[in-house]
Amino acid sequence: MKIRDYYDDMTFDKVIEFLCKYKYLFPTKFTDLKGIIRYLGMMKIMLKPNTKPVDKNPDHLNPKYKDKVHLELENMLVAHIIELVEESDWASPMVVQEKK
């Protein structure tokens, strides 16, 4: 679906005008997120007391996505969106979804 599918022509024009006027608020690259991430600070996931990790083996990454995934992960590391963790009981397998 596209944004035009949700609105009549007049509303669609107003939405587009709004998005164009405030486009600086909608980053399109990870490197543009630096200020937002620093502003929000470190994110923490609060767990219920006495919760134990579930053991799940990682799925194999489709070879056609391997280079793209490594590039995106490197971009997120550089932008400080994620950080490298050597080992964790709480790591979960990555799911790669191809964009249409």
PDB file of N, CA and C in Angstrom:
ATOM      1  N   MET A   1       0.837  -1.175   0.000  1.00  0.00           N
ATOM      2  CA  MET A   1       0.000   0.000   0.000  1.00  0.00           C
ATOM      3  C   MET A   1       0.886   1.244   0.000  1.00  0.00           C
ATOM      4  N   LYS A   2       0.351   2.292  -0.516  1.00  0.00           N
ATOM      5  CA  LYS A   2       1.047   3.568  -0.569  1.00  0.00           C
ATOM      6  C   LYS A   2       0.266   4.596   0.233  1.00  0.00           C
ATOM      7  N   ILE A   3       0.922   5.670   0.589  1.00  0.00           N
ATOM      8  CA  ILE A   3       0.280   6.704   1.406  1.00  0.00           C
ATOM      9  C   ILE A   3      -0.973   7.259   0.733  1.00  0.00           C
ATOM     10  N   ARG A   4      -0.973   7.332  -0.593  1.00  0.00           N
ATOM     11  CA  ARG A   4      -2.134   7.853  -1.328  1.00  0.00           C
ATOM     12  C   ARG A   4      -3.363   6.948  -1.149  1.00  0.00           C
ATOM     13  N   ASP A   5      -3.155   5.671  -0.862  1.00  0.00           N
ATOM     14  CA  ASP A   5      -4.270   4.745  -0.683  1.00  0.00           C
ATOM     15  C   ASP A   5      -5.086   5.045   0.579  1.00  0.00           C
ATOM     16  N   TYR A   6      -4.512   5.778   1.520  1.00  0.00           N
ATOM     17  CA  TYR A   6      -5.183   6.041   2.790  1.00  0.00           C
ATOM     18  C   TYR A   6      -5.950   7.357   2.821  1.00  0.00           C
ATOM     19  N   TYR A   7      -5.644   8.277   1.915  1.00  0.00           N
ATOM     20  CA  TYR A   7      -6.199   9.616   1.995  1.00  0.00           C
ATOM     21  C   TYR A   7      -6.845  10.054   0.685  1.00  0.00           C
ATOM     22  N   ASP A   8      -7.773  11.010   0.801  1.00  0.00           N
ATOM     23  CA  ASP A   8      -8.297  11.643  -0.398  1.00  0.00           C
ATOM     24  C   ASP A   8      -7.227  12.618  -0.917  1.00  0.00           C
ATOM     25  N   ASP A   9      -7.424  13.189  -2.087  1.00  0.00           N
ATOM     26  CA  ASP A   9      -6.399  14.038  -2.714  1.00  0.00           C
ATOM     27  C   ASP A   9      -6.018  15.248  -1.865  1.00  0.00           C
ATOM     28  N   MET A  10      -7.011  15.894  -1.253  1.00  0.00           N
ATOM     29  CA  MET A  10      -6.731  17.092  -0.465  1.00  0.00           C
ATOM     30  C   MET A  10      -5.881  16.745   0.771  1.00  0.00           C
ATOM     31  N   THR A  11      -6.269  15.686   1.470  1.00  0.00           N
ATOM     32  CA  THR A  11      -5.508  15.261   2.656  1.00  0.00           C
ATOM     33  C   THR A  11      -4.125  14.787   2.254  1.00  0.00           C
ATOM     34  N   PHE A  12      -4.034  14.060   1.158  1.00  0.00           N
ATOM     35  CA  PHE A  12      -2.738  13.591   0.665  1.00  0.00           C
ATOM     36  C   PHE A  12      -1.802  14.776   0.409  1.00  0.00           C
ATOM     37  N   ASP A  13      -2.305  15.810  -0.231  1.00  0.00           N
ATOM     38  CA  ASP A  13      -1.497  17.004  -0.494  1.00  0.00           C
ATOM     39  C   ASP A  13      -1.011  17.647   0.801  1.00  0.00           C
ATOM     40  N   LYS A  14      -1.869  17.678   1.827  1.00  0.00           N
ATOM     41  CA  LYS A  14      -1.485  18.257   3.115  1.00  0.00           C
ATOM     42  C   LYS A  14      -0.401  17.400   3.795  1.00  0.00           C
ATOM     43  N   VAL A  15      -0.536  16.097   3.709  1.00  0.00           N
ATOM     44  CA  VAL A  15       0.466  15.189   4.296  1.00  0.00           C
ATOM     45  C   VAL A  15       1.813  15.387   3.611  1.00  0.00           C
ATOM     46  N   ILE A  16       1.807  15.444   2.297  1.00  0.00           N
ATOM     47  CA  ILE A  16       3.050  15.647   1.548  1.00  0.00           C
ATOM     48  C   ILE A  16       3.662  17.002   1.882  1.00  0.00           C
ATOM     49  N   GLU A  17       2.842  18.030   1.977  1.00  0.00           N
ATOM     50  CA  GLU A  17       3.334  19.361   2.341  1.00  0.00           C
ATOM     51  C   GLU A  17       3.979  19.334   3.735  1.00  0.00           C
ATOM     52  N   PHE A  18       3.323  18.661   4.672  1.00  0.00           N
ATOM     53  CA  PHE A  18       3.860  18.528   6.030  1.00  0.00           C
ATOM     54  C   PHE A  18       5.199  17.802   6.025  1.00  0.00           C
ATOM     55  N   LEU A  19       5.262  16.677   5.317  1.00  0.00           N
ATOM     56  CA  LEU A  19       6.501  15.898   5.267  1.00  0.00           C
ATOM     57  C   LEU A  19       7.634  16.683   4.626  1.00  0.00           C
ATOM     58  N   CYS A  20       7.337  17.449   3.596  1.00  0.00           N
ATOM     59  CA  CYS A  20       8.364  18.269   2.946  1.00  0.00           C
ATOM     60  C   CYS A  20       8.836  19.395   3.873  1.00  0.00           C
ATOM     61  N   LYS A  21       7.887  20.000   4.571  1.00  0.00           N
ATOM     62  CA  LYS A  21       8.232  21.114   5.460  1.00  0.00           C
ATOM     63  C   LYS A  21       9.127  20.651   6.613  1.00  0.00           C
ATOM     64  N   TYR A  22       8.871  19.448   7.134  1.00  0.00           N
ATOM     65  CA  TYR A  22       9.614  18.942   8.289  1.00  0.00           C
ATOM     66  C   TYR A  22      10.507  17.752   7.952  1.00  0.00           C
ATOM     67  N   LYS A  23      11.006  17.708   6.726  1.00  0.00           N
ATOM     68  CA  LYS A  23      11.806  16.553   6.302  1.00  0.00           C
ATOM     69  C   LYS A  23      13.071  16.377   7.136  1.00  0.00           C
ATOM     70  N   TYR A  24      13.566  17.447   7.747  1.00  0.00           N
ATOM     71  CA  TYR A  24      14.756  17.344   8.587  1.00  0.00           C
ATOM     72  C   TYR A  24      14.496  16.501   9.843  1.00  0.00           C
ATOM     73  N   LEU A  25      13.232  16.272  10.177  1.00  0.00           N
ATOM     74  CA  LEU A  25      12.890  15.443  11.335  1.00  0.00           C
ATOM     75  C   LEU A  25      12.860  13.949  11.016  1.00  0.00           C
ATOM     76  N   PHE A  26      12.947  13.592   9.739  1.00  0.00           N
ATOM     77  CA  PHE A  26      12.841  12.205   9.321  1.00  0.00           C
ATOM     78  C   PHE A  26      14.142  11.762   8.655  1.00  0.00           C
ATOM     79  N   PRO A  27      15.133  11.324   9.438  1.00  0.00           N
ATOM     80  CA  PRO A  27      16.414  10.934   8.861  1.00  0.00           C
ATOM     81  C   PRO A  27      16.261   9.744   7.914  1.00  0.00           C
ATOM     82  N   THR A  28      17.095   9.727   6.904  1.00  0.00           N
ATOM     83  CA  THR A  28      17.062   8.629   5.932  1.00  0.00           C
ATOM     84  C   THR A  28      18.314   7.761   6.006  1.00  0.00           C
ATOM     85  N   LYS A  29      19.301   8.170   6.809  1.00  0.00           N
ATOM     86  CA  LYS A  29      20.540   7.398   6.975  1.00  0.00           C
ATOM     87  C   LYS A  29      20.824   7.223   8.458  1.00  0.00           C
ATOM     88  N   PHE A  30      21.497   6.114   8.797  1.00  0.00           N
ATOM     89  CA  PHE A  30      21.859   5.865  10.192  1.00  0.00           C
ATOM     90  C   PHE A  30      22.713   6.982  10.758  1.00  0.00           C
ATOM     91  N   THR A  31      23.613   7.517   9.945  1.00  0.00           N
ATOM     92  CA  THR A  31      24.514   8.555  10.435  1.00  0.00           C
ATOM     93  C   THR A  31      23.751   9.821  10.814  1.00  0.00           C
ATOM     94  N   ASP A  32      22.574  10.017  10.250  1.00  0.00           N
ATOM     95  CA  ASP A  32      21.752  11.178  10.597  1.00  0.00           C
ATOM     96  C   ASP A  32      21.056  11.004  11.949  1.00  0.00           C
ATOM     97  N   LEU A  33      21.062   9.797  12.497  1.00  0.00           N
ATOM     98  CA  LEU A  33      20.380   9.520  13.758  1.00  0.00           C
ATOM     99  C   LEU A  33      21.232   9.838  14.980  1.00  0.00           C
ATOM    100  N   LYS A  34      22.493  10.197  14.802  1.00  0.00           N
ATOM    101  CA  LYS A  34      23.403  10.380  15.935  1.00  0.00           C
ATOM    102  C   LYS A  34      22.826  11.296  17.010  1.00  0.00           C
ATOM    103  N   GLY A  35      22.358  12.468  16.637  1.00  0.00           N
ATOM    104  CA  GLY A  35      21.826  13.404  17.617  1.00  0.00           C
ATOM    105  C   GLY A  35      20.617  12.863  18.338  1.00  0.00           C
ATOM    106  N   ILE A  36      19.760  12.162  17.627  1.00  0.00           N
ATOM    107  CA  ILE A  36      18.552  11.608  18.233  1.00  0.00           C
ATOM    108  C   ILE A  36      18.933  10.544  19.250  1.00  0.00           C
ATOM    109  N   ILE A  37      19.844   9.658  18.889  1.00  0.00           N
ATOM    110  CA  ILE A  37      20.241   8.581  19.795  1.00  0.00           C
ATOM    111  C   ILE A  37      20.882   9.159  21.054  1.00  0.00           C
ATOM    112  N   ARG A  38      21.777  10.124  20.900  1.00  0.00           N
ATOM    113  CA  ARG A  38      22.425  10.717  22.072  1.00  0.00           C
ATOM    114  C   ARG A  38      21.398  11.440  22.951  1.00  0.00           C
ATOM    115  N   TYR A  39      20.428  12.051  22.321  1.00  0.00           N
ATOM    116  CA  TYR A  39      19.396  12.757  23.078  1.00  0.00           C
ATOM    117  C   TYR A  39      18.578  11.774  23.920  1.00  0.00           C
ATOM    118  N   LEU A  40      18.269  10.632  23.349  1.00  0.00           N
ATOM    119  CA  LEU A  40      17.464   9.648  24.060  1.00  0.00           C
ATOM    120  C   LEU A  40      18.258   8.914  25.125  1.00  0.00           C
ATOM    121  N   GLY A  41      19.560   8.844  24.962  1.00  0.00           N
ATOM    122  CA  GLY A  41      20.398   8.147  25.928  1.00  0.00           C
ATOM    123  C   GLY A  41      20.413   6.658  25.684  1.00  0.00           C
ATOM    124  N   MET A  42      20.947   5.920  26.645  1.00  0.00           N
ATOM    125  CA  MET A  42      21.065   4.477  26.496  1.00  0.00           C
ATOM    126  C   MET A  42      19.721   3.810  26.750  1.00  0.00           C
ATOM    127  N   MET A  43      19.364   2.886  25.888  1.00  0.00           N
ATOM    128  CA  MET A  43      18.115   2.162  26.034  1.00  0.00           C
ATOM    129  C   MET A  43      18.363   0.896  26.857  1.00  0.00           C
ATOM    130  N   LYS A  44      17.463   0.599  27.754  1.00  0.00           N
ATOM    131  CA  LYS A  44      17.578  -0.607  28.564  1.00  0.00           C
ATOM    132  C   LYS A  44      16.265  -1.367  28.487  1.00  0.00           C
ATOM    133  N   ILE A  45      16.367  -2.681  28.485  1.00  0.00           N
ATOM    134  CA  ILE A  45      15.183  -3.534  28.476  1.00  0.00           C
ATOM    135  C   ILE A  45      15.025  -4.091  29.882  1.00  0.00           C
ATOM    136  N   MET A  46      13.946  -3.750  30.527  1.00  0.00           N
ATOM    137  CA  MET A  46      13.698  -4.218  31.885  1.00  0.00           C
ATOM    138  C   MET A  46      13.063  -5.613  31.809  1.00  0.00           C
ATOM    139  N   LEU A  47      13.659  -6.555  32.518  1.00  0.00           N
ATOM    140  CA  LEU A  47      13.165  -7.926  32.529  1.00  0.00           C
ATOM    141  C   LEU A  47      12.407  -8.203  33.818  1.00  0.00           C
ATOM    142  N   LYS A  48      11.498  -9.135  33.744  1.00  0.00           N
ATOM    143  CA  LYS A  48      10.802  -9.556  34.948  1.00  0.00           C
ATOM    144  C   LYS A  48      11.801 -10.275  35.846  1.00  0.00           C
ATOM    145  N   PRO A  49      11.655 -10.163  37.157  1.00  0.00           N
ATOM    146  CA  PRO A  49      12.578 -10.852  38.067  1.00  0.00           C
ATOM    147  C   PRO A  49      12.575 -12.363  37.832  1.00  0.00           C
ATOM    148  N   ASN A  50      13.732 -12.971  38.000  1.00  0.00           N
ATOM    149  CA  ASN A  50      13.928 -14.425  37.879  1.00  0.00           C
ATOM    150  C   ASN A  50      13.634 -14.966  36.485  1.00  0.00           C
ATOM    151  N   THR A  51      13.723 -14.121  35.462  1.00  0.00           N
ATOM    152  CA  THR A  51      13.526 -14.565  34.092  1.00  0.00           C
ATOM    153  C   THR A  51      14.792 -15.248  33.601  1.00  0.00           C
ATOM    154  N   LYS A  52      14.630 -16.367  32.919  1.00  0.00           N
ATOM    155  CA  LYS A  52      15.786 -17.101  32.395  1.00  0.00           C
ATOM    156  C   LYS A  52      15.797 -17.000  30.867  1.00  0.00           C
ATOM    157  N   PRO A  53      16.990 -16.902  30.280  1.00  0.00           N
ATOM    158  CA  PRO A  53      17.070 -16.824  28.816  1.00  0.00           C
ATOM    159  C   PRO A  53      16.619 -18.126  28.156  1.00  0.00           C
ATOM    160  N   VAL A  54      16.084 -18.004  26.950  1.00  0.00           N
ATOM    161  CA  VAL A  54      15.686 -19.159  26.158  1.00  0.00           C
ATOM    162  C   VAL A  54      16.812 -19.453  25.183  1.00  0.00           C
ATOM    163  N   ASP A  55      17.232 -20.707  25.128  1.00  0.00           N
ATOM    164  CA  ASP A  55      18.343 -21.078  24.250  1.00  0.00           C
ATOM    165  C   ASP A  55      17.813 -21.320  22.848  1.00  0.00           C
ATOM    166  N   LYS A  56      18.303 -20.552  21.890  1.00  0.00           N
ATOM    167  CA  LYS A  56      17.874 -20.687  20.489  1.00  0.00           C
ATOM    168  C   LYS A  56      19.101 -20.550  19.618  1.00  0.00           C
ATOM    169  N   ASN A  57      19.319 -21.540  18.782  1.00  0.00           N
ATOM    170  CA  ASN A  57      20.444 -21.480  17.856  1.00  0.00           C
ATOM    171  C   ASN A  57      20.150 -20.476  16.749  1.00  0.00           C
ATOM    172  N   PRO A  58      21.181 -19.738  16.325  1.00  0.00           N
ATOM    173  CA  PRO A  58      20.951 -18.772  15.242  1.00  0.00           C
ATOM    174  C   PRO A  58      20.609 -19.467  13.931  1.00  0.00           C
ATOM    175  N   ASP A  59      19.729 -18.851  13.176  1.00  0.00           N
ATOM    176  CA  ASP A  59      19.403 -19.361  11.850  1.00  0.00           C
ATOM    177  C   ASP A  59      20.532 -19.007  10.898  1.00  0.00           C
ATOM    178  N   HIS A  60      20.679 -19.781   9.852  1.00  0.00           N
ATOM    179  CA  HIS A  60      21.699 -19.479   8.855  1.00  0.00           C
ATOM    180  C   HIS A  60      21.233 -18.307   8.001  1.00  0.00           C
ATOM    181  N   LEU A  61      22.158 -17.408   7.719  1.00  0.00           N
ATOM    182  CA  LEU A  61      21.854 -16.232   6.909  1.00  0.00           C
ATOM    183  C   LEU A  61      21.973 -16.599   5.438  1.00  0.00           C
ATOM    184  N   ASN A  62      20.950 -16.264   4.685  1.00  0.00           N
ATOM    185  CA  ASN A  62      20.963 -16.514   3.249  1.00  0.00           C
ATOM    186  C   ASN A  62      22.178 -15.807   2.636  1.00  0.00           C
ATOM    187  N   PRO A  63      23.008 -16.513   1.880  1.00  0.00           N
ATOM    188  CA  PRO A  63      24.230 -15.912   1.314  1.00  0.00           C
ATOM    189  C   PRO A  63      23.979 -14.653   0.478  1.00  0.00           C
ATOM    190  N   LYS A  64      22.801 -14.544  -0.141  1.00  0.00           N
ATOM    191  CA  LYS A  64      22.550 -13.357  -0.970  1.00  0.00           C
ATOM    192  C   LYS A  64      22.371 -12.095  -0.120  1.00  0.00           C
ATOM    193  N   TYR A  65      22.101 -12.254   1.193  1.00  0.00           N
ATOM    194  CA  TYR A  65      21.941 -11.111   2.085  1.00  0.00           C
ATOM    195  C   TYR A  65      23.197 -10.814   2.901  1.00  0.00           C
ATOM    196  N   LYS A  66      24.154 -11.712   2.890  1.00  0.00           N
ATOM    197  CA  LYS A  66      25.295 -11.620   3.797  1.00  0.00           C
ATOM    198  C   LYS A  66      26.025 -10.276   3.705  1.00  0.00           C
ATOM    199  N   ASP A  67      26.387  -9.844   2.504  1.00  0.00           N
ATOM    200  CA  ASP A  67      27.122  -8.581   2.346  1.00  0.00           C
ATOM    201  C   ASP A  67      26.281  -7.385   2.775  1.00  0.00           C
ATOM    202  N   LYS A  68      24.985  -7.391   2.414  1.00  0.00           N
ATOM    203  CA  LYS A  68      24.104  -6.286   2.783  1.00  0.00           C
ATOM    204  C   LYS A  68      23.946  -6.189   4.301  1.00  0.00           C
ATOM    205  N   VAL A  69      23.780  -7.334   4.943  1.00  0.00           N
ATOM    206  CA  VAL A  69      23.607  -7.353   6.397  1.00  0.00           C
ATOM    207  C   VAL A  69      24.866  -6.843   7.093  1.00  0.00           C
ATOM    208  N   HIS A  70      26.039  -7.313   6.641  1.00  0.00           N
ATOM    209  CA  HIS A  70      27.287  -6.861   7.252  1.00  0.00           C
ATOM    210  C   HIS A  70      27.482  -5.362   7.062  1.00  0.00           C
ATOM    211  N   LEU A  71      27.117  -4.837   5.911  1.00  0.00           N
ATOM    212  CA  LEU A  71      27.235  -3.402   5.651  1.00  0.00           C
ATOM    213  C   LEU A  71      26.299  -2.604   6.568  1.00  0.00           C
ATOM    214  N   GLU A  72      25.050  -3.045   6.701  1.00  0.00           N
ATOM    215  CA  GLU A  72      24.098  -2.353   7.570  1.00  0.00           C
ATOM    216  C   GLU A  72      24.530  -2.414   9.029  1.00  0.00           C
ATOM    217  N   LEU A  73      25.039  -3.563   9.464  1.00  0.00           N
ATOM    218  CA  LEU A  73      25.516  -3.686  10.837  1.00  0.00           C
ATOM    219  C   LEU A  73      26.702  -2.755  11.083  1.00  0.00           C
ATOM    220  N   GLU A  74      27.609  -2.672  10.122  1.00  0.00           N
ATOM    221  CA  GLU A  74      28.757  -1.775  10.241  1.00  0.00           C
ATOM    222  C   GLU A  74      28.296  -0.318  10.314  1.00  0.00           C
ATOM    223  N   ASN A  75      27.325   0.056   9.497  1.00  0.00           N
ATOM    224  CA  ASN A  75      26.780   1.417   9.536  1.00  0.00           C
ATOM    225  C   ASN A  75      26.157   1.730  10.901  1.00  0.00           C
ATOM    226  N   MET A  76      25.430   0.773  11.472  1.00  0.00           N
ATOM    227  CA  MET A  76      24.813   0.989  12.777  1.00  0.00           C
ATOM    228  C   MET A  76      25.864   1.056  13.882  1.00  0.00           C
ATOM    229  N   LEU A  77      26.940   0.270  13.767  1.00  0.00           N
ATOM    230  CA  LEU A  77      28.035   0.355  14.738  1.00  0.00           C
ATOM    231  C   LEU A  77      28.700   1.724  14.695  1.00  0.00           C
ATOM    232  N   VAL A  78      28.985   2.205  13.487  1.00  0.00           N
ATOM    233  CA  VAL A  78      29.631   3.511  13.315  1.00  0.00           C
ATOM    234  C   VAL A  78      28.753   4.624  13.868  1.00  0.00           C
ATOM    235  N   ALA A  79      27.448   4.519  13.671  1.00  0.00           N
ATOM    236  CA  ALA A  79      26.508   5.542  14.141  1.00  0.00           C
ATOM    237  C   ALA A  79      26.154   5.377  15.623  1.00  0.00           C
ATOM    238  N   HIS A  80      26.734   4.385  16.294  1.00  0.00           N
ATOM    239  CA  HIS A  80      26.500   4.104  17.716  1.00  0.00           C
ATOM    240  C   HIS A  80      25.044   3.756  18.016  1.00  0.00           C
ATOM    241  N   ILE A  81      24.371   3.169  17.053  1.00  0.00           N
ATOM    242  CA  ILE A  81      23.002   2.705  17.268  1.00  0.00           C
ATOM    243  C   ILE A  81      23.038   1.368  17.994  1.00  0.00           C
ATOM    244  N   ILE A  82      24.018   0.548  17.644  1.00  0.00           N
ATOM    245  CA  ILE A  82      24.234  -0.728  18.309  1.00  0.00           C
ATOM    246  C   ILE A  82      25.670  -0.771  18.806  1.00  0.00           C
ATOM    247  N   GLU A  83      25.956  -1.703  19.694  1.00  0.00           N
ATOM    248  CA  GLU A  83      27.330  -1.884  20.144  1.00  0.00           C
ATOM    249  C   GLU A  83      27.674  -3.366  20.082  1.00  0.00           C
ATOM    250  N   LEU A  84      28.936  -3.635  19.894  1.00  0.00           N
ATOM    251  CA  LEU A  84      29.415  -5.003  19.758  1.00  0.00           C
ATOM    252  C   LEU A  84      29.394  -5.698  21.110  1.00  0.00           C
ATOM    253  N   VAL A  85      28.834  -6.893  21.165  1.00  0.00           N
ATOM    254  CA  VAL A  85      28.803  -7.707  22.368  1.00  0.00           C
ATOM    255  C   VAL A  85      29.413  -9.051  22.006  1.00  0.00           C
ATOM    256  N   GLU A  86      30.444  -9.426  22.724  1.00  0.00           N
ATOM    257  CA  GLU A  86      31.133 -10.682  22.416  1.00  0.00           C
ATOM    258  C   GLU A  86      30.247 -11.896  22.696  1.00  0.00           C
ATOM    259  N   GLU A  87      29.582 -11.893  23.844  1.00  0.00           N
ATOM    260  CA  GLU A  87      28.758 -13.037  24.206  1.00  0.00           C
ATOM    261  C   GLU A  87      27.676 -12.588  25.175  1.00  0.00           C
ATOM    262  N   SER A  88      26.485 -13.124  25.003  1.00  0.00           N
ATOM    263  CA  SER A  88      25.386 -12.768  25.892  1.00  0.00           C
ATOM    264  C   SER A  88      24.368 -13.894  25.916  1.00  0.00           C
ATOM    265  N   ASP A  89      23.827 -14.158  27.094  1.00  0.00           N
ATOM    266  CA  ASP A  89      22.744 -15.146  27.204  1.00  0.00           C
ATOM    267  C   ASP A  89      21.463 -14.628  26.585  1.00  0.00           C
ATOM    268  N   TRP A  90      21.379 -13.301  26.395  1.00  0.00           N
ATOM    269  CA  TRP A  90      20.153 -12.679  25.945  1.00  0.00           C
ATOM    270  C   TRP A  90      20.158 -12.299  24.473  1.00  0.00           C
ATOM    271  N   ALA A  91      21.177 -12.690  23.747  1.00  0.00           N
ATOM    272  CA  ALA A  91      21.203 -12.401  22.307  1.00  0.00           C
ATOM    273  C   ALA A  91      20.149 -13.259  21.612  1.00  0.00           C
ATOM    274  N   SER A  92      19.518 -12.712  20.583  1.00  0.00           N
ATOM    275  CA  SER A  92      18.513 -13.473  19.848  1.00  0.00           C
ATOM    276  C   SER A  92      18.868 -13.483  18.364  1.00  0.00           C
ATOM    277  N   PRO A  93      18.419 -14.501  17.647  1.00  0.00           N
ATOM    278  CA  PRO A  93      18.736 -14.590  16.231  1.00  0.00           C
ATOM    279  C   PRO A  93      18.152 -13.408  15.449  1.00  0.00           C
ATOM    280  N   MET A  94      18.853 -13.025  14.399  1.00  0.00           N
ATOM    281  CA  MET A  94      18.427 -11.919  13.548  1.00  0.00           C
ATOM    282  C   MET A  94      17.491 -12.457  12.462  1.00  0.00           C
ATOM    283  N   VAL A  95      16.471 -11.707  12.168  1.00  0.00           N
ATOM    284  CA  VAL A  95      15.562 -12.052  11.076  1.00  0.00           C
ATOM    285  C   VAL A  95      15.727 -11.003   9.994  1.00  0.00           C
ATOM    286  N   VAL A  96      16.092 -11.441   8.797  1.00  0.00           N
ATOM    287  CA  VAL A  96      16.308 -10.528   7.679  1.00  0.00           C
ATOM    288  C   VAL A  96      15.063 -10.526   6.817  1.00  0.00           C
ATOM    289  N   GLN A  97      14.517  -9.332   6.586  1.00  0.00           N
ATOM    290  CA  GLN A  97      13.332  -9.185   5.749  1.00  0.00           C
ATOM    291  C   GLN A  97      13.691  -8.320   4.564  1.00  0.00           C
ATOM    292  N   GLU A  98      13.534  -8.854   3.374  1.00  0.00           N
ATOM    293  CA  GLU A  98      13.854  -8.115   2.157  1.00  0.00           C
ATOM    294  C   GLU A  98      12.816  -7.026   1.916  1.00  0.00           C
ATOM    295  N   LYS A  99      13.288  -5.835   1.554  1.00  0.00           N
ATOM    296  CA  LYS A  99      12.381  -4.745   1.224  1.00  0.00           C
ATOM    297  C   LYS A  99      11.749  -4.999  -0.126  1.00  0.00           C
ATOM    298  N   LYS A 100      10.503  -4.564  -0.280  1.00  0.00           N
ATOM    299  CA  LYS A 100       9.809  -4.743  -1.550  1.00  0.00           C
ATOM    300  C   LYS A 100      10.253  -3.678  -2.519  1.00  0.00           C
TER     301      LYS A 100
END
